[in-house]
């Protein structure tokens, strides 16, 4: 854990982030996560420039002000479209625009964005420059250390220099290669080996560039150790699948009081939001699917998940289903988040 010392003073806006995750980090998920941590920077799912320009912008970009600070992740490589979408996002109130240069899926490659852009570092720099010219908020890039047969030393340095010259505000690095052929997107999250030292070396060679590390970070203690070498940490699946971990972020990383005293308290605070959203036409399961991992290893967790999974999908289900599920979880001491961690 990071002690309350001058280290905390150095933790900036990217000190701890929750990663953009497709089908997971929608606005309901982000509202829930914000109840667990005030200071973490939250990211949307990746949204393509085409979807924003031609689709339902309000549905795609709307978020609750309580989610702030929140960043939009964009997918695209057309300079004009990226600039236009960045300006739209700024008008919606996002505090940062992040360019996806890390997703390895076939669909993303066909659209000439995501990890395949690591083969075109000059274009990525041009993308950043176009976005920076269009907005007054932060513009960042999320990338891999390389793709396919690239040498990670050369590929990451070349991309970093390109975006740095374009004025990028921070670089978020998933510390694995992406294999665009031969591995699925799921396999690309686990099979290529992690190389944290490569990201540390990048930071050492660019001390004035904020560098955020991502990939395989499973606990807040892991995050604290990485912060001895880089400016920020981005946690993905662990934050979503075991959301109780986020209760420790504000005390451990930022030296501040936790935003909720327990998961039950946070989930009770989630209920007024659920009621508002149901009144607007949202379905209960669209929100409660994000909380299913809340009480792992806590007595009653299985009953909690089963009740939400069976009753929460029924027509007309409302927040009473969550209240009933919470009643199935056994209150224990010490703090439930630490029981789950034990």
Protein backbone atom coordinates (compact mmCIF):
# COMPACT_ATOMS: atom_id res chain seq x y z
CA UNK A 1 0.00 0.00 0.00
CA UNK A 2 1.10 3.57 -0.61
CA UNK A 3 1.50 5.44 2.64
CA UNK A 4 0.16 8.94 3.18
CA UNK A 5 3.30 10.74 2.14
CA UNK A 6 4.61 12.98 -0.59
CA UNK A 7 4.02 10.05 -2.97
CA UNK A 8 0.29 10.77 -2.75
CA UNK A 9 0.86 14.37 -3.78
CA UNK A 10 2.40 13.15 -7.03
CA UNK A 11 -0.59 10.99 -7.96
CA UNK A 12 -2.30 12.93 -10.73
CA UNK A 13 -5.44 12.55 -12.79
CA UNK A 14 -4.35 9.19 -14.22
CA UNK A 15 -3.22 7.75 -10.89
CA UNK A 16 -5.82 5.00 -11.01
CA UNK A 17 -8.12 4.29 -13.96
CA UNK A 18 -10.77 1.69 -14.74
CA UNK A 19 -10.16 0.43 -18.27
CA UNK A 20 -12.54 0.83 -21.19
CA UNK A 21 -14.12 -2.62 -21.70
CA UNK A 22 -16.53 -3.49 -24.47
CA UNK A 23 -20.00 -4.54 -23.27
CA UNK A 24 -19.00 -3.77 -19.69
CA UNK A 25 -18.13 -0.14 -18.93
CA UNK A 26 -21.40 1.42 -20.02
CA UNK A 27 -22.98 4.33 -18.15
CA UNK A 28 -24.71 2.07 -15.61
CA UNK A 29 -21.45 0.32 -14.77
CA UNK A 30 -19.62 3.63 -14.43
CA UNK A 31 -22.25 5.04 -12.06
CA UNK A 32 -21.87 1.96 -9.87
CA UNK A 33 -18.08 2.18 -9.92
CA UNK A 34 -18.24 5.84 -8.96
CA UNK A 35 -20.06 4.83 -5.77
CA UNK A 36 -16.97 2.76 -4.88
CA UNK A 37 -14.28 5.32 -5.70
CA UNK A 38 -14.42 9.09 -6.07
CA UNK A 39 -10.94 9.53 -7.53
CA UNK A 40 -10.57 6.83 -10.18
CA UNK A 41 -10.76 7.98 -13.79
CA UNK A 42 -13.51 6.04 -15.57
CA UNK A 43 -13.58 5.25 -19.28
CA UNK A 44 -16.42 4.48 -21.65
CA UNK A 45 -16.52 1.47 -23.89
CA UNK A 46 -14.84 2.15 -27.21
CA UNK A 47 -17.20 4.02 -29.53
CA UNK A 48 -16.35 4.40 -33.20
CA UNK A 49 -16.33 7.74 -34.95
CA UNK A 50 -18.83 6.41 -37.47
CA UNK A 51 -21.30 5.50 -34.73
CA UNK A 52 -21.11 8.99 -33.25
CA UNK A 53 -21.36 10.83 -36.56
CA UNK A 54 -24.19 8.73 -37.98
CA UNK A 55 -25.84 7.22 -34.90
CA UNK A 56 -27.87 8.26 -31.88
CA UNK A 57 -25.39 10.53 -30.11
CA UNK A 58 -27.48 11.04 -27.01
CA UNK A 59 -27.80 7.29 -26.46
CA UNK A 60 -24.11 6.67 -27.15
CA UNK A 61 -22.58 9.56 -25.25
CA UNK A 62 -25.00 10.40 -22.46
CA UNK A 63 -23.70 10.01 -18.93
CA UNK A 64 -24.71 11.07 -15.44
CA UNK A 65 -22.71 14.04 -14.08
CA UNK A 66 -21.99 11.92 -11.00
CA UNK A 67 -19.74 9.72 -13.13
CA UNK A 68 -17.11 12.46 -13.50
CA UNK A 69 -14.23 12.31 -14.06
CA UNK A 70 -15.07 10.25 -17.15
CA UNK A 71 -13.20 9.84 -20.46
CA UNK A 72 -14.45 8.76 -23.87
CA UNK A 73 -12.53 6.16 -25.83
CA UNK A 74 -12.75 6.65 -29.59
CA UNK A 75 -12.06 4.17 -32.35
CA UNK A 76 -11.07 5.54 -35.74
CA UNK A 77 -8.25 6.82 -37.91
CA UNK A 78 -9.88 9.42 -40.16
CA UNK A 79 -8.48 12.77 -39.03
CA UNK A 80 -11.58 14.81 -39.84
CA UNK A 81 -13.91 12.34 -38.14
CA UNK A 82 -11.72 12.10 -35.04
CA UNK A 83 -11.59 15.89 -34.75
CA UNK A 84 -15.36 16.18 -35.19
CA UNK A 85 -16.11 13.47 -32.64
CA UNK A 86 -13.64 14.90 -30.15
CA UNK A 87 -15.41 18.27 -30.33
CA UNK A 88 -18.79 16.56 -29.90
CA UNK A 89 -17.49 14.68 -26.86
CA UNK A 90 -16.11 17.86 -25.34
CA UNK A 91 -19.53 19.47 -25.74
CA UNK A 92 -21.09 16.49 -23.93
CA UNK A 93 -18.79 17.19 -20.99
CA UNK A 94 -16.15 14.47 -21.20
CA UNK A 95 -12.85 15.38 -19.55
CA UNK A 96 -10.64 13.34 -21.87
CA UNK A 97 -10.67 11.73 -25.31
CA UNK A 98 -8.70 8.49 -25.64
CA UNK A 99 -7.69 7.02 -29.00
CA UNK A 100 -7.81 3.22 -29.18
CA UNK A 101 -4.57 1.83 -30.61
CA UNK A 102 -4.76 -1.46 -28.75
CA UNK A 103 -7.85 -3.48 -29.71
CA UNK A 104 -6.89 -6.52 -31.84
CA UNK A 105 -10.29 -7.68 -33.12
CA UNK A 106 -10.81 -8.44 -36.82
CA UNK A 107 -13.71 -5.98 -37.03
CA UNK A 108 -11.56 -3.20 -35.65
CA UNK A 109 -8.71 -4.02 -38.05
CA UNK A 110 -11.10 -3.87 -40.99
CA UNK A 111 -12.00 -0.34 -39.92
CA UNK A 112 -8.29 0.59 -39.78
CA UNK A 113 -8.19 1.38 -36.09
CA UNK A 114 -7.18 -0.31 -32.88
CA UNK A 115 -3.91 -2.24 -32.53
CA UNK A 116 -3.22 -2.36 -36.28
CA UNK A 117 -2.43 1.37 -36.06
CA UNK A 118 0.79 0.47 -34.25
CA UNK A 119 2.10 -0.29 -37.74
CA UNK A 120 1.38 3.34 -38.70
CA UNK A 121 2.87 5.49 -35.92
CA UNK A 122 2.99 8.62 -38.09
CA UNK A 123 -0.75 8.32 -38.73
CA UNK A 124 -1.39 7.94 -35.00
CA UNK A 125 0.56 11.14 -34.42
CA UNK A 126 -1.54 12.88 -37.06
CA UNK A 127 -4.70 11.61 -35.35
CA UNK A 128 -3.58 13.05 -32.03
CA UNK A 129 -2.68 16.38 -33.63
CA UNK A 130 -6.10 16.62 -35.29
CA UNK A 131 -7.88 15.81 -32.02
CA UNK A 132 -5.76 18.26 -30.03
CA UNK A 133 -6.54 21.03 -32.52
CA UNK A 134 -10.27 20.42 -32.07
CA UNK A 135 -10.56 20.42 -28.26
CA UNK A 136 -9.21 21.97 -25.11
CA UNK A 137 -9.43 18.81 -23.00
CA UNK A 138 -6.90 16.00 -22.61
CA UNK A 139 -6.17 13.72 -25.56
CA UNK A 140 -4.57 10.38 -24.76
CA UNK A 141 -3.64 7.17 -26.56
CA UNK A 142 -4.04 3.57 -25.38
CA UNK A 143 -1.72 1.15 -27.14
CA UNK A 144 0.16 -2.15 -26.87
CA UNK A 145 3.94 -2.57 -26.65
CA UNK A 146 3.87 -3.87 -30.21
CA UNK A 147 2.07 -6.12 -32.68
CA UNK A 148 2.99 -9.40 -34.34
CA UNK A 149 6.71 -9.55 -35.11
CA UNK A 150 7.50 -5.96 -34.16
CA UNK A 151 10.40 -5.38 -31.79
CA UNK A 152 8.71 -3.85 -28.70
CA UNK A 153 11.73 -1.64 -28.04
CA UNK A 154 11.49 -0.02 -31.45
CA UNK A 155 7.72 -0.11 -31.97
CA UNK A 156 6.80 1.46 -28.64
CA UNK A 157 9.54 4.08 -28.83
CA UNK A 158 8.51 5.06 -32.37
CA UNK A 159 4.82 5.34 -31.49
CA UNK A 160 5.57 7.22 -28.27
CA UNK A 161 7.75 9.76 -30.03
CA UNK A 162 5.14 10.30 -32.72
CA UNK A 163 2.29 10.99 -30.31
CA UNK A 164 4.50 12.99 -27.98
CA UNK A 165 5.51 15.28 -30.85
CA UNK A 166 1.80 15.71 -31.63
CA UNK A 167 1.12 16.91 -28.08
CA UNK A 168 -0.47 13.83 -26.53
CA UNK A 169 -1.32 14.36 -22.85
CA UNK A 170 -0.66 10.79 -21.69
CA UNK A 171 0.10 7.33 -23.06
CA UNK A 172 -1.65 4.27 -21.65
CA UNK A 173 0.26 1.08 -22.43
CA UNK A 174 -1.12 -2.43 -22.22
CA UNK A 175 2.11 -4.24 -21.44
CA UNK A 176 1.63 -7.07 -23.95
CA UNK A 177 2.00 -7.45 -27.66
CA UNK A 178 -1.14 -7.97 -29.74
CA UNK A 179 -1.09 -10.77 -32.31
CA UNK A 180 -3.42 -9.71 -35.10
CA UNK A 181 -3.40 -13.15 -36.68
CA UNK A 182 -3.59 -16.42 -34.81
CA UNK A 183 -5.07 -15.17 -31.54
CA UNK A 184 -8.61 -14.09 -30.71
CA UNK A 185 -9.26 -10.83 -28.83
CA UNK A 186 -9.85 -12.91 -25.69
CA UNK A 187 -6.55 -14.77 -26.13
CA UNK A 188 -4.78 -11.47 -26.75
CA UNK A 189 -5.71 -10.45 -23.21
CA UNK A 190 -3.88 -13.40 -21.67
CA UNK A 191 -1.49 -15.30 -23.93
CA UNK A 192 1.13 -12.74 -25.04
CA UNK A 193 3.46 -12.40 -22.04
CA UNK A 194 3.35 -9.27 -19.93
CA UNK A 195 6.43 -7.07 -20.05
CA UNK A 196 6.04 -4.44 -17.36
CA UNK A 197 9.74 -3.59 -17.49
CA UNK A 198 9.30 -2.40 -21.06
CA UNK A 199 6.73 0.15 -19.88
CA UNK A 200 8.99 1.20 -17.01
CA UNK A 201 11.81 1.82 -19.47
CA UNK A 202 9.49 3.93 -21.60
CA UNK A 203 8.73 6.13 -18.62
CA UNK A 204 12.39 6.43 -17.73
CA UNK A 205 13.24 7.56 -21.26
CA UNK A 206 10.31 10.04 -21.37
CA UNK A 207 10.15 11.51 -17.86
CA UNK A 208 7.95 14.40 -19.02
CA UNK A 209 5.32 12.12 -20.64
CA UNK A 210 2.65 10.71 -18.29
CA UNK A 211 2.73 6.93 -18.73
CA UNK A 212 -0.06 4.70 -17.43
CA UNK A 213 0.41 0.93 -17.25
CA UNK A 214 -2.30 -1.63 -18.03
CA UNK A 215 -2.54 -5.40 -18.27
CA UNK A 216 -2.87 -8.16 -15.70
CA UNK A 217 -3.21 -5.82 -12.71
CA UNK A 218 -5.25 -7.83 -10.24
CA UNK A 219 -5.23 -5.82 -7.02
CA UNK A 220 -4.80 -2.37 -5.55
CA UNK A 221 -1.55 -3.57 -3.98
CA UNK A 222 -0.31 -4.43 -7.49
CA UNK A 223 -1.29 -0.92 -8.57
CA UNK A 224 0.64 0.66 -5.73
CA UNK A 225 3.79 -1.23 -6.70
CA UNK A 226 3.52 -0.10 -10.32
CA UNK A 227 3.18 3.50 -9.19
CA UNK A 228 6.76 3.39 -8.01
CA UNK A 229 7.73 3.30 -11.71
CA UNK A 230 4.97 5.00 -13.74
CA UNK A 231 2.43 7.81 -13.39
CA UNK A 232 -0.73 5.77 -13.32
CA UNK A 233 -2.32 2.34 -13.35
CA UNK A 234 -5.30 1.09 -15.33
CA UNK A 235 -7.19 -1.92 -13.98
CA UNK A 236 -9.56 -3.84 -16.23
CA UNK A 237 -11.22 -7.17 -15.56
CA UNK A 238 -10.35 -7.29 -11.87
CA UNK A 239 -12.21 -4.01 -11.32
CA UNK A 240 -15.28 -5.29 -13.13
CA UNK A 241 -15.42 -8.89 -11.96
CA UNK A 242 -14.47 -8.09 -8.36
CA UNK A 243 -15.74 -4.53 -7.85
CA UNK A 244 -15.12 -4.62 -4.11
CA UNK A 245 -11.46 -3.98 -4.97
CA UNK A 246 -12.37 -0.41 -5.92
CA UNK A 247 -13.33 0.36 -2.31
CA UNK A 248 -9.62 0.37 -1.48
CA UNK A 249 -8.50 2.70 -4.26
CA UNK A 250 -9.11 6.07 -2.63
CA UNK A 251 -7.45 5.17 0.72
CA UNK A 252 -4.55 3.16 -0.74
CA UNK A 253 -3.69 5.21 -3.82
CA UNK A 254 -4.86 8.72 -3.03
CA UNK A 255 -4.69 8.75 0.77
CA UNK A 256 -8.34 9.73 1.10
CA UNK A 257 -11.34 8.21 2.85
CA UNK A 258 -13.26 5.54 0.98
CA UNK A 259 -16.38 6.78 -0.74
CA UNK A 260 -18.49 3.97 0.75
CA UNK A 261 -17.97 2.03 3.95
CA UNK A 262 -19.02 -1.26 2.37
CA UNK A 263 -20.36 -2.81 -0.79
CA UNK A 264 -23.79 -3.06 0.76
CA UNK A 265 -23.75 0.67 1.43
CA UNK A 266 -22.70 1.36 -2.15
CA UNK A 267 -25.37 -0.92 -3.58
CA UNK A 268 -28.03 0.69 -1.41
CA UNK A 269 -26.88 4.05 -2.81
CA UNK A 270 -27.26 2.54 -6.30
CA UNK A 271 -30.99 1.96 -5.77
CA UNK A 272 -32.20 5.56 -6.33
CA UNK A 273 -30.29 5.57 -9.63
CA UNK A 274 -31.93 2.27 -10.59
CA UNK A 275 -35.35 3.70 -9.79
CA UNK A 276 -34.69 6.77 -11.97
CA UNK A 277 -33.43 4.67 -14.84
CA UNK A 278 -36.35 2.26 -14.73
CA UNK A 279 -38.69 5.25 -14.86
CA UNK A 280 -36.83 6.31 -18.03
CA UNK A 281 -37.36 2.90 -19.62
CA UNK A 282 -34.17 1.01 -18.69
CA UNK A 283 -34.43 -2.62 -17.62
CA UNK A 284 -33.21 -3.72 -14.22
CA UNK A 285 -30.85 -6.36 -15.60
CA UNK A 286 -29.04 -3.74 -17.69
CA UNK A 287 -27.84 -2.28 -14.38
CA UNK A 288 -27.63 -5.23 -11.99
CA UNK A 289 -25.54 -7.34 -14.41
CA UNK A 290 -22.63 -5.10 -13.45
CA UNK A 291 -22.82 -5.95 -9.73
CA UNK A 292 -22.90 -9.76 -9.89
CA UNK A 293 -19.29 -10.11 -8.73
CA UNK A 294 -19.76 -7.88 -5.71
CA UNK A 295 -19.69 -10.43 -2.90
CA UNK A 296 -17.37 -13.15 -4.09
CA UNK A 297 -16.25 -15.36 -1.15
CA UNK A 298 -18.77 -13.69 1.17
CA UNK A 299 -21.49 -15.94 2.68
CA UNK A 300 -24.65 -15.55 0.63
CA UNK A 301 -22.84 -14.47 -2.55
CA UNK A 302 -24.18 -17.35 -4.61
CA UNK A 303 -27.74 -16.69 -3.50
CA UNK A 304 -27.23 -12.99 -4.28
CA UNK A 305 -26.10 -13.75 -7.84
CA UNK A 306 -28.80 -16.34 -8.42
CA UNK A 307 -31.58 -14.03 -7.29
CA UNK A 308 -30.41 -11.17 -9.49
CA UNK A 309 -29.86 -13.47 -12.47
CA UNK A 310 -33.27 -15.14 -12.28
CA UNK A 311 -35.53 -12.38 -10.97
CA UNK A 312 -33.74 -9.36 -12.43
CA UNK A 313 -34.44 -10.37 -16.03
CA UNK A 314 -38.19 -10.73 -15.60
CA UNK A 315 -40.52 -8.14 -17.15
CA UNK A 316 -41.34 -5.41 -14.67
CA UNK A 317 -38.42 -6.22 -12.35
CA UNK A 318 -37.46 -3.23 -10.23
CA UNK A 319 -35.11 -2.25 -7.43
CA UNK A 320 -36.98 -4.46 -4.97
CA UNK A 321 -35.15 -7.39 -6.58
CA UNK A 322 -31.80 -5.87 -5.61
CA UNK A 323 -33.03 -5.21 -2.07
CA UNK A 324 -34.10 -8.84 -1.80
CA UNK A 325 -30.74 -10.02 -3.14
CA UNK A 326 -28.85 -7.84 -0.66
CA UNK A 327 -30.82 -9.39 2.19
CA UNK A 328 -29.36 -12.78 1.22
CA UNK A 329 -25.77 -11.61 1.85
CA UNK A 330 -24.50 -12.28 5.35
CA UNK A 331 -23.05 -9.22 7.09
CA UNK A 332 -19.67 -10.13 8.54
CA UNK A 333 -16.74 -8.33 10.10
CA UNK A 334 -14.19 -7.09 9.30
CA UNK A 335 -15.17 -5.07 6.23
CA UNK A 336 -16.57 -7.34 3.54
CA UNK A 337 -14.19 -6.06 0.88
CA UNK A 338 -11.28 -7.39 2.90
CA UNK A 339 -12.99 -10.71 3.55
CA UNK A 340 -13.27 -11.19 -0.20
CA UNK A 341 -9.61 -10.34 -0.58
CA UNK A 342 -8.48 -12.82 2.06
